[in-house]
Amino acid sequence: MTKIAVLFAAIVLATTASAQQPPPQPSARFGGNPAQGEAIAMRWCASCHTLPGGKSASDVAPSFRAIARDPRKDSDHLRGFLSHPHWPMPPLQLSRNEIENIIAYLQALRHEAE
């Protein structure tokens, strides 16, 4: 009986401990690094989109500040758009992490503009 009681106590403690654990954090999909996003934007986007402090790139593509200030372009919209680029954007095949970093950069620009 002692082994069964010890086993039962261990199960109860494990269950109680796991119930007290905070819920898992949201996936990386909801967080990004703005500095890494800026680096990606400078590497892949600056030839068409004007970045803050940069020279004019194209009169066809909106500037990154304009994208950041557009209330219709929230994180979910940007996530979907960057996951499936459209013409005239090149098919960049960005990873989820890269997309989150670009979104974080745009959010930083949005807050900078406010």
C-alpha atoms as a PDB file:
ATOM      1  CA  MET A   1       0.000   0.000   0.000  1.00  0.00           C
ATOM      2  CA  THR A   2       2.849   2.423   0.668  1.00  0.00           C
ATOM      3  CA  LYS A   3       4.082   2.338  -2.940  1.00  0.00           C
ATOM      4  CA  ILE A   4       0.548   3.002  -4.207  1.00  0.00           C
ATOM      5  CA  ALA A   5       0.122   5.913  -1.785  1.00  0.00           C
ATOM      6  CA  VAL A   6       3.457   7.422  -2.891  1.00  0.00           C
ATOM      7  CA  LEU A   7       2.528   7.003  -6.549  1.00  0.00           C
ATOM      8  CA  PHE A   8      -0.890   8.558  -5.972  1.00  0.00           C
ATOM      9  CA  ALA A   9       0.684  11.498  -4.099  1.00  0.00           C
ATOM     10  CA  ALA A  10       3.163  12.020  -6.938  1.00  0.00           C
ATOM     11  CA  ILE A  11       0.343  12.073  -9.502  1.00  0.00           C
ATOM     12  CA  VAL A  12      -1.690  14.521  -7.415  1.00  0.00           C
ATOM     13  CA  LEU A  13       1.336  16.796  -6.943  1.00  0.00           C
ATOM     14  CA  ALA A  14       2.178  16.693 -10.660  1.00  0.00           C
ATOM     15  CA  THR A  15      -1.415  17.477 -11.604  1.00  0.00           C
ATOM     16  CA  THR A  16      -1.604  20.320  -9.088  1.00  0.00           C
ATOM     17  CA  ALA A  17       1.731  21.742 -10.213  1.00  0.00           C
ATOM     18  CA  SER A  18       0.737  21.671 -13.880  1.00  0.00           C
ATOM     19  CA  ALA A  19      -2.601  23.298 -13.043  1.00  0.00           C
ATOM     20  CA  GLN A  20      -0.719  26.141 -11.346  1.00  0.00           C
ATOM     21  CA  GLN A  21       1.593  26.702 -14.320  1.00  0.00           C
ATOM     22  CA  PRO A  22       0.802  29.824 -16.323  1.00  0.00           C
ATOM     23  CA  PRO A  23      -0.768  29.110 -19.683  1.00  0.00           C
ATOM     24  CA  PRO A  24       1.683  28.766 -22.561  1.00  0.00           C
ATOM     25  CA  GLN A  25       2.717  32.045 -24.062  1.00  0.00           C
ATOM     26  CA  PRO A  26       1.397  32.935 -27.502  1.00  0.00           C
ATOM     27  CA  SER A  27       3.518  31.637 -30.325  1.00  0.00           C
ATOM     28  CA  ALA A  28       6.231  33.745 -31.913  1.00  0.00           C
ATOM     29  CA  ARG A  29       3.607  34.719 -34.435  1.00  0.00           C
ATOM     30  CA  PHE A  30       2.536  37.460 -32.026  1.00  0.00           C
ATOM     31  CA  GLY A  31       5.938  38.886 -31.260  1.00  0.00           C
ATOM     32  CA  GLY A  32       8.833  40.084 -33.290  1.00  0.00           C
ATOM     33  CA  ASN A  33      12.025  42.048 -33.107  1.00  0.00           C
ATOM     34  CA  PRO A  34      11.739  45.529 -34.657  1.00  0.00           C
ATOM     35  CA  ALA A  35      15.507  45.842 -35.197  1.00  0.00           C
ATOM     36  CA  GLN A  36      15.592  42.571 -37.109  1.00  0.00           C
ATOM     37  CA  GLY A  37      12.499  43.684 -39.018  1.00  0.00           C
ATOM     38  CA  GLU A  38      14.258  46.885 -40.009  1.00  0.00           C
ATOM     39  CA  ALA A  39      17.266  44.885 -41.230  1.00  0.00           C
ATOM     40  CA  ILE A  40      14.980  42.664 -43.333  1.00  0.00           C
ATOM     41  CA  ALA A  41      13.208  45.727 -44.712  1.00  0.00           C
ATOM     42  CA  MET A  42      16.512  47.345 -45.625  1.00  0.00           C
ATOM     43  CA  ARG A  43      17.665  44.175 -47.375  1.00  0.00           C
ATOM     44  CA  TRP A  44      14.478  43.161 -49.207  1.00  0.00           C
ATOM     45  CA  CYS A  45      12.067  46.106 -49.271  1.00  0.00           C
ATOM     46  CA  ALA A  46      14.093  49.310 -49.630  1.00  0.00           C
ATOM     47  CA  SER A  47      14.434  49.026 -53.397  1.00  0.00           C
ATOM     48  CA  CYS A  48      10.675  49.666 -53.747  1.00  0.00           C
ATOM     49  CA  HIS A  49       9.443  51.013 -50.381  1.00  0.00           C
ATOM     50  CA  THR A  50      10.938  54.155 -48.886  1.00  0.00           C
ATOM     51  CA  LEU A  51      12.154  53.474 -45.362  1.00  0.00           C
ATOM     52  CA  PRO A  52      12.426  56.183 -42.710  1.00  0.00           C
ATOM     53  CA  GLY A  53      15.590  58.143 -43.252  1.00  0.00           C
ATOM     54  CA  GLY A  54      16.041  56.618 -46.698  1.00  0.00           C
ATOM     55  CA  LYS A  55      15.900  58.129 -50.114  1.00  0.00           C
ATOM     56  CA  SER A  56      12.809  57.793 -52.271  1.00  0.00           C
ATOM     57  CA  ALA A  57      12.621  54.283 -53.679  1.00  0.00           C
ATOM     58  CA  SER A  58       9.543  54.071 -55.891  1.00  0.00           C
ATOM     59  CA  ASP A  59       6.461  56.069 -56.659  1.00  0.00           C
ATOM     60  CA  VAL A  60       4.441  52.847 -56.969  1.00  0.00           C
ATOM     61  CA  ALA A  61       5.030  51.233 -53.570  1.00  0.00           C
ATOM     62  CA  PRO A  62       3.869  53.001 -50.397  1.00  0.00           C
ATOM     63  CA  SER A  63       6.497  54.068 -47.895  1.00  0.00           C
ATOM     64  CA  PHE A  64       6.915  52.027 -44.748  1.00  0.00           C
ATOM     65  CA  ARG A  65       5.627  55.005 -42.730  1.00  0.00           C
ATOM     66  CA  ALA A  66       2.471  55.116 -44.869  1.00  0.00           C
ATOM     67  CA  ILE A  67       1.939  51.383 -44.331  1.00  0.00           C
ATOM     68  CA  ALA A  68       2.516  51.784 -40.577  1.00  0.00           C
ATOM     69  CA  ARG A  69       0.022  54.674 -40.346  1.00  0.00           C
ATOM     70  CA  ASP A  70      -2.724  52.930 -42.323  1.00  0.00           C
ATOM     71  CA  PRO A  71      -5.296  51.697 -39.764  1.00  0.00           C
ATOM     72  CA  ARG A  72      -6.538  49.057 -42.213  1.00  0.00           C
ATOM     73  CA  LYS A  73      -3.105  47.416 -42.186  1.00  0.00           C
ATOM     74  CA  ASP A  74      -3.198  45.847 -38.751  1.00  0.00           C
ATOM     75  CA  SER A  75      -1.024  42.907 -37.734  1.00  0.00           C
ATOM     76  CA  ASP A  76      -3.433  40.276 -39.055  1.00  0.00           C
ATOM     77  CA  HIS A  77      -3.725  42.012 -42.425  1.00  0.00           C
ATOM     78  CA  LEU A  78       0.049  42.365 -42.727  1.00  0.00           C
ATOM     79  CA  ARG A  79       0.599  38.767 -41.634  1.00  0.00           C
ATOM     80  CA  GLY A  80      -1.707  37.509 -44.394  1.00  0.00           C
ATOM     81  CA  PHE A  81      -0.315  39.875 -47.009  1.00  0.00           C
ATOM     82  CA  LEU A  82       3.312  39.031 -46.290  1.00  0.00           C
ATOM     83  CA  SER A  83       2.535  35.307 -46.207  1.00  0.00           C
ATOM     84  CA  HIS A  84       1.186  35.474 -49.764  1.00  0.00           C
ATOM     85  CA  PRO A  85       2.809  38.396 -51.602  1.00  0.00           C
ATOM     86  CA  HIS A  86       1.048  39.762 -54.654  1.00  0.00           C
ATOM     87  CA  TRP A  87       2.376  41.263 -57.813  1.00  0.00           C
ATOM     88  CA  PRO A  88       4.192  43.627 -58.066  1.00  0.00           C
ATOM     89  CA  MET A  89       5.900  42.322 -54.933  1.00  0.00           C
ATOM     90  CA  PRO A  90       8.507  39.661 -55.602  1.00  0.00           C
ATOM     91  CA  PRO A  91       7.817  36.236 -54.085  1.00  0.00           C
ATOM     92  CA  LEU A  92      10.072  36.636 -51.054  1.00  0.00           C
ATOM     93  CA  GLN A  93       9.081  33.448 -49.191  1.00  0.00           C
ATOM     94  CA  LEU A  94       9.539  35.052 -45.782  1.00  0.00           C
ATOM     95  CA  SER A  95       9.564  32.806 -42.723  1.00  0.00           C
ATOM     96  CA  ARG A  96       6.977  33.341 -39.991  1.00  0.00           C
ATOM     97  CA  ASN A  97       9.686  34.808 -37.795  1.00  0.00           C
ATOM     98  CA  GLU A  98      10.763  37.251 -40.512  1.00  0.00           C
ATOM     99  CA  ILE A  99       7.147  38.299 -41.043  1.00  0.00           C
ATOM    100  CA  GLU A 100       6.727  38.906 -37.302  1.00  0.00           C
ATOM    101  CA  ASN A 101       9.923  40.964 -37.255  1.00  0.00           C
ATOM    102  CA  ILE A 102       8.685  43.137 -40.131  1.00  0.00           C
ATOM    103  CA  ILE A 103       5.333  43.591 -38.389  1.00  0.00           C
ATOM    104  CA  ALA A 104       7.155  44.578 -35.168  1.00  0.00           C
ATOM    105  CA  TYR A 105       9.163  47.129 -37.148  1.00  0.00           C
ATOM    106  CA  LEU A 106       5.990  48.568 -38.690  1.00  0.00           C
ATOM    107  CA  GLN A 107       4.352  48.731 -35.261  1.00  0.00           C
ATOM    108  CA  ALA A 108       7.382  50.598 -33.926  1.00  0.00           C
ATOM    109  CA  LEU A 109       7.039  53.074 -36.787  1.00  0.00           C
ATOM    110  CA  ARG A 110       3.325  53.428 -36.040  1.00  0.00           C
ATOM    111  CA  HIS A 111       4.024  54.261 -32.403  1.00  0.00           C
ATOM    112  CA  GLU A 112       6.867  56.577 -33.408  1.00  0.00           C
ATOM    113  CA  ALA A 113       4.440  58.486 -35.618  1.00  0.00           C
ATOM    114  CA  GLU A 114       1.860  58.944 -32.850  1.00  0.00           C
END
